[in-house]
Amino acid sequence: MNNFVSREMIFYLFKEVGLEESSIELGIKLSIKNNSPLPILLWSYGMLTIEELDKLYSFLFQKME
């Protein structure tokens, strides 16, 4: 999986989840550094709950259809 982060994902994290811009920026930097998907990284650092992670992936998969 690549480290591509879509605008839709960032918008969702900001508007729907309520993450601050600085948290999203930190997550992106760590995701690139650790070569891991942003949603999993945010969850592993406690920035997303498992429920929020599930909703984010549901949102992303809907966008792919």
N, C-alpha and C. Protein backbone atom coordinates (compact mmCIF):
# COMPACT_ATOMS: atom_id res chain seq x y z
N MET A 1 0.86 -1.18 0.00
CA MET A 1 0.00 0.00 0.00
C MET A 1 0.89 1.24 0.00
N ASN A 2 0.54 2.19 -0.84
CA ASN A 2 1.36 3.39 -0.89
C ASN A 2 0.90 4.40 0.15
N ASN A 3 1.61 5.49 0.26
CA ASN A 3 1.30 6.50 1.26
C ASN A 3 0.47 7.64 0.69
N PHE A 4 -0.26 7.38 -0.39
CA PHE A 4 -1.10 8.42 -0.97
C PHE A 4 -2.20 8.79 0.02
N VAL A 5 -2.34 10.07 0.28
CA VAL A 5 -3.38 10.55 1.17
C VAL A 5 -4.28 11.46 0.35
N SER A 6 -5.54 11.08 0.24
CA SER A 6 -6.47 11.86 -0.59
C SER A 6 -7.01 13.06 0.17
N ARG A 7 -7.46 14.02 -0.58
CA ARG A 7 -8.09 15.19 0.02
C ARG A 7 -9.36 14.79 0.76
N GLU A 8 -10.06 13.79 0.20
CA GLU A 8 -11.28 13.32 0.84
C GLU A 8 -10.98 12.74 2.23
N MET A 9 -9.86 12.01 2.34
CA MET A 9 -9.50 11.43 3.63
C MET A 9 -9.18 12.54 4.63
N ILE A 10 -8.43 13.52 4.22
CA ILE A 10 -8.07 14.62 5.11
C ILE A 10 -9.32 15.40 5.53
N PHE A 11 -10.20 15.66 4.57
CA PHE A 11 -11.44 16.37 4.87
C PHE A 11 -12.27 15.57 5.87
N TYR A 12 -12.36 14.26 5.67
CA TYR A 12 -13.11 13.39 6.57
C TYR A 12 -12.51 13.43 7.98
N LEU A 13 -11.20 13.30 8.07
CA LEU A 13 -10.55 13.31 9.38
C LEU A 13 -10.75 14.64 10.09
N PHE A 14 -10.75 15.73 9.35
CA PHE A 14 -10.90 17.06 9.93
C PHE A 14 -12.35 17.33 10.30
N LYS A 15 -13.27 17.11 9.38
CA LYS A 15 -14.68 17.48 9.59
C LYS A 15 -15.48 16.44 10.35
N GLU A 16 -15.33 15.17 10.00
CA GLU A 16 -16.16 14.12 10.60
C GLU A 16 -15.59 13.58 11.90
N VAL A 17 -14.28 13.40 11.95
CA VAL A 17 -13.66 12.85 13.15
C VAL A 17 -13.30 13.96 14.14
N GLY A 18 -12.94 15.12 13.60
CA GLY A 18 -12.61 16.25 14.46
C GLY A 18 -11.15 16.34 14.84
N LEU A 19 -10.28 15.68 14.06
CA LEU A 19 -8.85 15.81 14.32
C LEU A 19 -8.38 17.21 13.96
N GLU A 20 -7.44 17.71 14.72
CA GLU A 20 -6.87 19.03 14.42
C GLU A 20 -5.91 18.90 13.25
N GLU A 21 -5.72 20.01 12.56
CA GLU A 21 -4.83 20.04 11.40
C GLU A 21 -3.42 19.58 11.77
N SER A 22 -2.94 20.00 12.93
CA SER A 22 -1.59 19.62 13.36
C SER A 22 -1.48 18.11 13.58
N SER A 23 -2.53 17.49 14.08
CA SER A 23 -2.53 16.03 14.29
C SER A 23 -2.49 15.30 12.95
N ILE A 24 -3.24 15.81 11.98
CA ILE A 24 -3.26 15.20 10.66
C ILE A 24 -1.89 15.34 10.01
N GLU A 25 -1.29 16.53 10.11
CA GLU A 25 0.04 16.76 9.54
C GLU A 25 1.08 15.83 10.18
N LEU A 26 1.04 15.70 11.49
CA LEU A 26 1.96 14.80 12.18
C LEU A 26 1.75 13.36 11.72
N GLY A 27 0.48 12.97 11.60
CA GLY A 27 0.17 11.62 11.13
C GLY A 27 0.72 11.36 9.74
N ILE A 28 0.59 12.32 8.86
CA ILE A 28 1.11 12.17 7.49
C ILE A 28 2.62 12.02 7.51
N LYS A 29 3.30 12.86 8.28
CA LYS A 29 4.76 12.78 8.37
C LYS A 29 5.21 11.43 8.91
N LEU A 30 4.55 10.96 9.98
CA LEU A 30 4.91 9.66 10.56
C LEU A 30 4.57 8.51 9.63
N SER A 31 3.47 8.66 8.90
CA SER A 31 3.07 7.63 7.93
C SER A 31 4.13 7.47 6.85
N ILE A 32 4.64 8.58 6.37
CA ILE A 32 5.69 8.54 5.34
C ILE A 32 6.97 7.96 5.93
N LYS A 33 7.35 8.44 7.12
CA LYS A 33 8.58 7.97 7.76
C LYS A 33 8.54 6.48 8.04
N ASN A 34 7.39 6.00 8.53
CA ASN A 34 7.26 4.59 8.91
C ASN A 34 6.74 3.70 7.79
N ASN A 35 6.45 4.32 6.64
CA ASN A 35 5.92 3.60 5.48
C ASN A 35 4.70 2.75 5.87
N SER A 36 3.75 3.40 6.52
CA SER A 36 2.53 2.72 6.93
C SER A 36 1.32 3.55 6.53
N PRO A 37 0.18 2.91 6.32
CA PRO A 37 -1.03 3.64 5.94
C PRO A 37 -1.45 4.63 7.03
N LEU A 38 -1.85 5.80 6.61
CA LEU A 38 -2.23 6.86 7.55
C LEU A 38 -3.32 6.41 8.53
N PRO A 39 -4.41 5.79 8.09
CA PRO A 39 -5.44 5.40 9.06
C PRO A 39 -4.92 4.45 10.14
N ILE A 40 -4.10 3.48 9.76
CA ILE A 40 -3.56 2.54 10.74
C ILE A 40 -2.61 3.25 11.70
N LEU A 41 -1.81 4.16 11.18
CA LEU A 41 -0.89 4.91 12.03
C LEU A 41 -1.66 5.75 13.04
N LEU A 42 -2.70 6.45 12.59
CA LEU A 42 -3.50 7.28 13.50
C LEU A 42 -4.14 6.43 14.59
N TRP A 43 -4.62 5.25 14.23
CA TRP A 43 -5.21 4.35 15.20
C TRP A 43 -4.16 3.84 16.19
N SER A 44 -3.00 3.45 15.69
CA SER A 44 -1.97 2.88 16.56
C SER A 44 -1.42 3.91 17.54
N TYR A 45 -1.49 5.19 17.19
CA TYR A 45 -1.04 6.26 18.09
C TYR A 45 -2.18 6.79 18.96
N GLY A 46 -3.35 6.18 18.86
CA GLY A 46 -4.47 6.58 19.70
C GLY A 46 -5.21 7.82 19.25
N MET A 47 -4.97 8.24 18.01
CA MET A 47 -5.67 9.42 17.49
C MET A 47 -7.03 9.07 16.91
N LEU A 48 -7.24 7.78 16.63
CA LEU A 48 -8.53 7.28 16.16
C LEU A 48 -8.93 6.10 17.03
N THR A 49 -10.23 5.99 17.32
CA THR A 49 -10.72 4.79 17.98
C THR A 49 -10.94 3.72 16.91
N ILE A 50 -11.16 2.51 17.33
CA ILE A 50 -11.40 1.43 16.37
C ILE A 50 -12.70 1.70 15.60
N GLU A 51 -13.67 2.31 16.24
CA GLU A 51 -14.92 2.65 15.56
C GLU A 51 -14.70 3.73 14.50
N GLU A 52 -13.90 4.74 14.83
CA GLU A 52 -13.59 5.79 13.86
C GLU A 52 -12.78 5.23 12.69
N LEU A 53 -11.86 4.31 12.98
CA LEU A 53 -11.09 3.65 11.93
C LEU A 53 -12.00 2.88 10.99
N ASP A 54 -12.96 2.16 11.56
CA ASP A 54 -13.91 1.40 10.76
C ASP A 54 -14.75 2.33 9.88
N LYS A 55 -15.23 3.43 10.43
CA LYS A 55 -16.02 4.39 9.66
C LYS A 55 -15.19 5.05 8.56
N LEU A 56 -13.92 5.33 8.86
CA LEU A 56 -13.04 5.92 7.85
C LEU A 56 -12.83 4.95 6.69
N TYR A 57 -12.56 3.68 6.99
CA TYR A 57 -12.38 2.71 5.91
C TYR A 57 -13.67 2.51 5.13
N SER A 58 -14.81 2.52 5.80
CA SER A 58 -16.09 2.41 5.09
C SER A 58 -16.26 3.59 4.13
N PHE A 59 -15.94 4.78 4.61
CA PHE A 59 -16.01 5.99 3.78
C PHE A 59 -15.09 5.87 2.57
N LEU A 60 -13.85 5.43 2.80
CA LEU A 60 -12.87 5.31 1.71
C LEU A 60 -13.30 4.26 0.69
N PHE A 61 -13.81 3.13 1.15
CA PHE A 61 -14.24 2.09 0.22
C PHE A 61 -15.45 2.54 -0.60
N GLN A 62 -16.33 3.34 -0.01
CA GLN A 62 -17.47 3.89 -0.77
C GLN A 62 -16.98 4.80 -1.86
N LYS A 63 -15.92 5.56 -1.61
CA LYS A 63 -15.36 6.46 -2.61
C LYS A 63 -14.74 5.70 -3.78
N MET A 64 -14.32 4.47 -3.55
CA MET A 64 -13.68 3.68 -4.58
C MET A 64 -14.69 3.10 -5.57
N GLU A 65 -15.94 2.97 -5.17
CA GLU A 65 -16.95 2.34 -6.03
C GLU A 65 -17.34 3.19 -7.19
